[in-house]
Amino acid sequence: MRIKELAEGRVRYGYRRLHVLLQREGWHVNHKRTYRLYSEAGLSIRTRSPRRRRACRYRSGRADATGMNDVWAME
């Protein structure tokens, strides 16, 4: 099936974008049929874990100055 080939090349595309690509290639397919074929083929967008939130868990506070010129800040 052409939808499977398109999905392999474009992993981050959902059924809506794949539907547009199919229309551009000349396939006259209803969007509901595109969704049905997309889900029957077992395709889905892979979820990404948010990296920003994970980084702030391990972040520690600012170290206190122990002597002169120990901590600098940009303003």
C-alpha atoms as a PDB file:
ATOM      1  CA  MET A   1       0.000   0.000   0.000  1.00  0.00           C
ATOM      2  CA  ARG A   2       1.209   3.470  -0.824  1.00  0.00           C
ATOM      3  CA  ILE A   3       0.289   4.902   2.587  1.00  0.00           C
ATOM      4  CA  LYS A   4       2.687   2.455   4.264  1.00  0.00           C
ATOM      5  CA  GLU A   5       5.530   3.450   1.942  1.00  0.00           C
ATOM      6  CA  LEU A   6       4.925   7.135   2.643  1.00  0.00           C
ATOM      7  CA  ALA A   7       4.777   6.519   6.396  1.00  0.00           C
ATOM      8  CA  GLU A   8       8.101   4.653   6.362  1.00  0.00           C
ATOM      9  CA  GLY A   9       9.829   7.578   4.684  1.00  0.00           C
ATOM     10  CA  ARG A  10       8.173  10.230   6.831  1.00  0.00           C
ATOM     11  CA  VAL A  11       7.967   8.900  10.371  1.00  0.00           C
ATOM     12  CA  ARG A  12       6.695  12.092  11.967  1.00  0.00           C
ATOM     13  CA  TYR A  13       3.700  12.445   9.605  1.00  0.00           C
ATOM     14  CA  GLY A  14       0.222  11.588  10.824  1.00  0.00           C
ATOM     15  CA  TYR A  15      -2.696  10.456   8.729  1.00  0.00           C
ATOM     16  CA  ARG A  16      -3.698  14.034   7.849  1.00  0.00           C
ATOM     17  CA  ARG A  17      -0.359  14.885   6.245  1.00  0.00           C
ATOM     18  CA  LEU A  18      -0.232  11.514   4.525  1.00  0.00           C
ATOM     19  CA  HIS A  19      -3.722  12.183   3.174  1.00  0.00           C
ATOM     20  CA  VAL A  20      -2.472  15.428   1.616  1.00  0.00           C
ATOM     21  CA  LEU A  21       0.503  13.610   0.072  1.00  0.00           C
ATOM     22  CA  LEU A  22      -1.799  10.981  -1.398  1.00  0.00           C
ATOM     23  CA  GLN A  23      -4.017  13.680  -2.879  1.00  0.00           C
ATOM     24  CA  ARG A  24      -0.999  15.378  -4.460  1.00  0.00           C
ATOM     25  CA  GLU A  25      -0.041  12.083  -6.099  1.00  0.00           C
ATOM     26  CA  GLY A  26      -3.488  11.816  -7.664  1.00  0.00           C
ATOM     27  CA  TRP A  27      -5.211   9.420  -5.269  1.00  0.00           C
ATOM     28  CA  HIS A  28      -8.825  10.459  -4.702  1.00  0.00           C
ATOM     29  CA  VAL A  29      -9.304   9.027  -1.223  1.00  0.00           C
ATOM     30  CA  ASN A  30     -11.675  10.181   1.481  1.00  0.00           C
ATOM     31  CA  HIS A  31      -9.969  11.367   4.707  1.00  0.00           C
ATOM     32  CA  LYS A  32     -12.004   8.858   6.715  1.00  0.00           C
ATOM     33  CA  ARG A  33     -10.759   6.008   4.539  1.00  0.00           C
ATOM     34  CA  THR A  34      -7.199   7.311   4.916  1.00  0.00           C
ATOM     35  CA  TYR A  35      -7.587   7.206   8.700  1.00  0.00           C
ATOM     36  CA  ARG A  36      -9.048   3.692   8.576  1.00  0.00           C
ATOM     37  CA  LEU A  37      -6.184   2.386   6.427  1.00  0.00           C
ATOM     38  CA  TYR A  38      -3.667   4.224   8.620  1.00  0.00           C
ATOM     39  CA  SER A  39      -4.956   2.612  11.796  1.00  0.00           C
ATOM     40  CA  GLU A  40      -5.420  -0.842  10.218  1.00  0.00           C
ATOM     41  CA  ALA A  41      -1.786  -0.808   9.121  1.00  0.00           C
ATOM     42  CA  GLY A  42      -0.808  -0.217  12.760  1.00  0.00           C
ATOM     43  CA  LEU A  43       0.741   3.165  12.048  1.00  0.00           C
ATOM     44  CA  SER A  44       0.927   5.902  14.655  1.00  0.00           C
ATOM     45  CA  ILE A  45       3.038   8.926  15.425  1.00  0.00           C
ATOM     46  CA  ARG A  46       5.823   8.047  17.818  1.00  0.00           C
ATOM     47  CA  THR A  47       5.657  10.161  20.939  1.00  0.00           C
ATOM     48  CA  ARG A  48       8.679  12.059  22.116  1.00  0.00           C
ATOM     49  CA  SER A  49       9.569  12.557  25.741  1.00  0.00           C
ATOM     50  CA  PRO A  50      10.007  16.197  26.691  1.00  0.00           C
ATOM     51  CA  ARG A  51      13.681  16.835  27.284  1.00  0.00           C
ATOM     52  CA  ARG A  52      13.347  20.239  28.918  1.00  0.00           C
ATOM     53  CA  ARG A  53      11.423  18.919  31.903  1.00  0.00           C
ATOM     54  CA  ARG A  54      13.837  16.082  32.428  1.00  0.00           C
ATOM     55  CA  ALA A  55      16.817  18.460  32.580  1.00  0.00           C
ATOM     56  CA  CYS A  56      15.367  20.648  35.332  1.00  0.00           C
ATOM     57  CA  ARG A  57      14.941  17.665  37.665  1.00  0.00           C
ATOM     58  CA  TYR A  58      18.698  17.213  37.904  1.00  0.00           C
ATOM     59  CA  ARG A  59      19.547  20.907  38.009  1.00  0.00           C
ATOM     60  CA  SER A  60      20.873  22.135  41.326  1.00  0.00           C
ATOM     61  CA  GLY A  61      20.713  25.617  42.750  1.00  0.00           C
ATOM     62  CA  ARG A  62      23.408  28.228  42.332  1.00  0.00           C
ATOM     63  CA  ALA A  63      26.492  27.617  44.447  1.00  0.00           C
ATOM     64  CA  ASP A  64      27.156  30.158  47.156  1.00  0.00           C
ATOM     65  CA  ALA A  65      30.247  32.289  46.908  1.00  0.00           C
ATOM     66  CA  THR A  66      32.978  31.218  49.290  1.00  0.00           C
ATOM     67  CA  GLY A  67      35.437  33.973  48.459  1.00  0.00           C
ATOM     68  CA  MET A  68      35.977  37.098  46.423  1.00  0.00           C
ATOM     69  CA  ASN A  69      35.311  36.847  42.648  1.00  0.00           C
ATOM     70  CA  ASP A  70      34.015  33.305  43.086  1.00  0.00           C
ATOM     71  CA  VAL A  71      30.609  33.737  41.413  1.00  0.00           C
ATOM     72  CA  TRP A  72      30.020  35.857  38.305  1.00  0.00           C
ATOM     73  CA  ALA A  73      26.750  36.758  36.636  1.00  0.00           C
ATOM     74  CA  MET A  74      25.967  38.300  33.270  1.00  0.00           C
ATOM     75  CA  GLU A  75      23.493  41.179  33.273  1.00  0.00           C
END
